[in-house]
Protein backbone atom coordinates (compact mmCIF):
# COMPACT_ATOMS: atom_id res chain seq x y z
CA MET A 1 67.05 24.85 80.14
CA GLY A 2 62.97 25.50 80.18
CA LYS A 3 61.05 24.72 83.24
CA ALA A 4 61.95 22.90 86.60
CA SER A 5 59.65 19.63 87.52
CA GLN A 6 60.59 17.27 90.59
CA PHE A 7 59.78 14.35 88.09
CA TYR A 8 61.75 14.82 85.07
CA HIS A 9 64.78 17.66 84.31
CA GLN A 10 64.99 19.18 80.08
CA HIS A 11 68.30 18.50 78.54
CA THR A 12 69.95 19.41 75.74
CA PRO A 13 71.12 16.21 74.31
CA THR A 14 74.80 16.17 73.07
CA ASP A 15 74.94 15.41 69.19
CA VAL A 16 76.33 11.52 70.06
CA GLN A 17 72.83 11.51 71.87
CA ARG A 18 70.88 12.84 69.44
CA ARG A 19 72.60 10.22 66.80
CA GLU A 20 71.46 7.31 69.24
CA ILE A 21 67.98 8.80 68.98
CA LEU A 22 67.79 9.06 65.58
CA ASP A 23 69.54 5.66 64.64
CA ALA A 24 66.85 3.80 67.00
CA LEU A 25 63.81 5.85 65.56
CA PRO A 26 64.74 6.41 62.15
CA GLN A 27 60.88 7.20 61.41
CA ILE A 28 61.91 10.63 63.21
CA GLU A 29 62.92 11.66 59.93
CA LYS A 30 59.45 11.78 57.87
CA LEU A 31 58.37 14.47 60.38
CA PRO A 32 58.55 18.28 59.56
CA ALA A 33 61.88 19.86 61.00
CA ASP A 34 59.94 21.43 63.97
CA LEU A 35 58.60 17.81 65.22
CA GLN A 36 62.08 16.26 64.75
CA GLU A 37 63.48 18.69 66.94
CA LEU A 38 60.84 18.56 69.77
CA THR A 39 60.67 14.40 69.38
CA ILE A 40 64.15 14.38 69.95
CA THR A 41 64.27 16.96 72.72
CA ALA A 42 61.20 15.16 74.56
CA TRP A 43 62.93 11.91 74.24
CA ALA A 44 66.09 13.28 75.58
CA CYS A 45 64.35 14.87 78.49
CA SER A 46 62.84 11.34 79.20
CA TRP A 47 65.80 9.02 78.70
CA LEU A 48 68.58 11.52 80.20
CA SER A 49 66.03 11.82 83.44
CA SER A 50 66.03 8.24 83.74
CA PRO A 51 68.51 5.61 85.57
CA TYR A 52 69.46 3.58 81.80
CA GLN A 53 72.79 4.57 80.43
CA ARG A 54 71.83 3.64 76.80
CA PHE A 55 68.42 4.70 74.67
CA LEU A 56 67.53 1.41 73.98
CA GLU A 57 68.08 0.04 77.40
CA ILE A 58 64.37 1.62 78.35
CA PRO A 59 62.18 -1.19 78.97
CA MET A 60 58.89 -1.48 77.74
CA ALA A 61 56.46 -2.46 80.72
CA ILE A 62 55.47 -4.21 83.78
CA PRO A 63 54.39 -7.37 81.66
CA ALA A 64 57.30 -6.91 79.25
CA PRO A 65 60.22 -6.10 81.00
CA ASP A 66 62.74 -7.31 78.70
CA TYR A 67 61.35 -5.65 75.56
CA SER A 68 62.83 -3.13 74.59
CA LEU A 69 60.79 0.44 74.96
CA ILE A 70 62.29 1.82 71.95
CA ARG A 71 61.57 -1.19 69.62
CA HIS A 72 58.25 -1.17 70.62
CA ILE A 73 57.83 2.93 69.63
CA GLY A 74 59.46 2.23 66.60
CA ASP A 75 57.27 -0.96 65.68
CA THR A 76 54.11 1.27 66.85
CA ALA A 77 55.16 3.86 64.45
CA THR A 78 55.76 1.48 61.67
CA ALA A 79 52.36 -0.16 62.18
CA GLY A 80 50.35 3.22 62.81
CA LEU A 81 51.78 4.17 59.05
CA ALA A 82 50.19 1.36 57.42
CA LEU A 83 47.18 1.97 59.38
CA MET A 84 47.04 5.84 58.57
CA ASP A 85 47.38 4.44 54.62
CA ILE A 86 44.20 1.91 55.27
CA ALA A 87 42.37 4.93 56.79
CA THR A 88 42.94 7.52 54.32
CA GLN A 89 43.02 5.77 50.94
CA ARG A 90 39.93 2.80 51.69
CA LEU A 91 38.30 4.49 55.09
CA GLY A 92 37.74 7.86 53.83
CA ARG A 93 39.00 9.07 57.76
CA ALA A 94 42.16 10.64 56.79
CA PRO A 95 44.35 11.01 60.37
CA ASP A 96 46.81 14.74 60.04
CA HIS A 97 50.12 12.82 59.14
CA ASP A 98 52.25 14.64 61.09
CA THR A 99 50.29 15.00 64.04
CA THR A 100 49.79 11.15 64.34
CA LEU A 101 53.39 10.04 63.17
CA ALA A 102 54.43 12.20 66.13
CA ALA A 103 52.28 11.23 68.61
CA MET A 104 52.83 7.50 67.86
CA LEU A 105 56.55 8.29 68.61
CA LEU A 106 56.13 10.10 71.83
CA HIS A 107 53.45 7.71 73.40
CA ASP A 108 54.84 6.57 75.95
CA LEU A 109 57.49 8.76 76.43
CA ASP A 110 56.89 8.59 80.18
CA SER A 111 57.97 5.41 80.31
CA SER A 112 61.41 5.30 81.20
CA LEU A 113 60.47 7.35 84.05
CA ILE A 114 57.63 5.46 85.74
CA TYR A 115 59.32 2.20 86.09
CA ASP A 116 62.11 0.99 88.47
CA ARG A 117 63.98 -2.42 87.96
CA VAL A 118 63.41 -4.95 90.41
CA GLY A 119 65.27 -8.28 90.20
CA ASP A 120 64.29 -9.65 87.09
CA GLY A 121 61.20 -7.45 86.58
CA LEU A 122 59.53 -3.90 86.51
CA ASP A 123 57.24 -2.37 89.12
CA TYR A 124 56.13 1.28 89.72
CA ASN A 125 58.20 3.85 91.03
CA LYS A 126 56.93 6.48 93.64
CA VAL A 127 56.44 8.69 90.32
CA GLY A 128 54.06 5.92 88.40
CA ARG A 129 52.44 5.90 91.54
CA MET A 130 51.41 9.57 91.44
CA ILE A 131 50.79 10.21 87.92
CA GLN A 132 48.91 7.94 85.46
CA HIS A 133 51.13 6.67 82.59
CA GLY A 134 50.79 9.22 79.52
CA VAL A 135 49.98 12.07 81.52
CA LEU A 136 53.79 12.69 82.64
CA GLY A 137 54.98 12.48 78.94
CA ALA A 138 52.32 14.75 77.89
CA MET A 139 53.30 17.25 80.80
CA ILE A 140 56.86 16.81 79.28
CA LEU A 141 55.65 17.75 75.98
CA ARG A 142 53.80 20.88 77.10
CA ASP A 143 56.86 22.15 78.83
CA LEU A 144 58.39 22.28 75.38
CA ASP A 145 55.32 24.09 73.95
CA ALA A 146 54.52 20.70 71.68
CA PRO A 147 51.17 21.43 69.82
CA ASP A 148 47.89 20.79 71.34
CA ASP A 149 46.84 17.53 69.69
CA ILE A 150 49.93 15.99 70.46
CA VAL A 151 49.79 16.73 74.16
CA SER A 152 46.18 15.42 74.08
CA LEU A 153 47.01 12.50 71.89
CA VAL A 154 49.93 11.16 74.50
CA ALA A 155 48.03 12.29 77.70
CA THR A 156 45.12 9.52 76.81
CA HIS A 157 46.37 7.08 74.74
CA ALA A 158 46.67 4.28 77.60
CA LEU A 159 43.53 1.65 78.13
CA SER A 160 43.09 3.11 81.56
CA SER A 161 42.82 6.70 80.61
CA PRO A 162 38.91 7.92 81.47
CA PHE A 163 38.55 8.78 77.87
CA HIS A 164 40.06 8.89 74.38
CA PRO A 165 39.45 11.70 71.71
CA GLU A 166 37.28 10.59 69.01
CA THR A 167 39.32 11.51 66.14
CA PRO A 168 41.06 9.15 63.45
CA GLU A 169 44.67 10.38 64.94
CA ALA A 170 43.67 8.73 68.40
CA TRP A 171 42.25 5.49 66.46
CA VAL A 172 45.09 4.75 64.83
CA LEU A 173 47.34 5.44 67.31
CA SER A 174 45.05 3.11 69.85
CA TYR A 175 44.85 0.22 67.29
CA ALA A 176 48.81 0.60 66.44
CA ASP A 177 49.88 1.01 69.93
CA LEU A 178 47.64 -1.91 71.30
CA PHE A 179 48.59 -4.09 68.03
CA CYS A 180 52.51 -3.99 68.92
CA ALA A 181 51.88 -4.04 72.44
CA ASP A 182 50.60 -7.48 72.25
CA HIS A 183 53.64 -8.32 70.12
CA ALA A 184 55.82 -7.56 72.92
CA LEU A 185 53.26 -9.67 75.46
CA MET A 186 53.46 -12.59 73.78
CA LYS A 187 57.30 -12.22 73.32
CA ASN A 188 57.87 -12.30 77.01
CA GLY A 189 54.96 -15.21 77.60
CA SER A 190 52.38 -12.52 78.94
CA ASN A 191 48.64 -12.68 78.09
CA PRO A 192 48.27 -10.48 75.16
CA ILE A 193 45.18 -7.49 75.41
CA TYR A 194 42.96 -9.24 72.63
CA ARG A 195 42.65 -12.53 74.69
CA ARG A 196 41.91 -10.60 78.18
CA LYS A 197 37.88 -11.02 79.35
CA ALA A 198 36.16 -7.58 79.41
CA HIS A 199 35.41 -6.81 82.84
């Protein structure tokens, strides 16, 4: 199926795997059918190319190795939907609902592929040392013919990205992601992003 890559393989999920993804991320069903299918297929590609047997086992990141990535994704989508309402109704900056929700559900698509378990923690693996977080997720989405706006949002969402699009969709994604990442960091006893000093 699709294009070959040394970093991941495209997979067609079984009905059981599709159900596991949908049960873990029920916000997918708030998307139109084409973006639902994109999101399920992209997550199947990422998950089934990773060493993790269960979807909910995928860890979030090095500073929060015991926090579920999928819980973070769901939290980000929930927070982002609330922020979209505020941005639209109170601030007069209306993000596109479907683009923003899809990006929130897909923003950390490559996290299952860039870290390995090392003892009780995580570290970057060979892939994570070659490609910046977000870019590999965008590559997967490009191979799946995802809309350009979603590819761009995923590619540039990370704090380490050299730039961020000047769009309401990027604005909402960034704050929803950071808000929920800080929650995971604090649960793990790590210093949250909002408390870090600027360099």
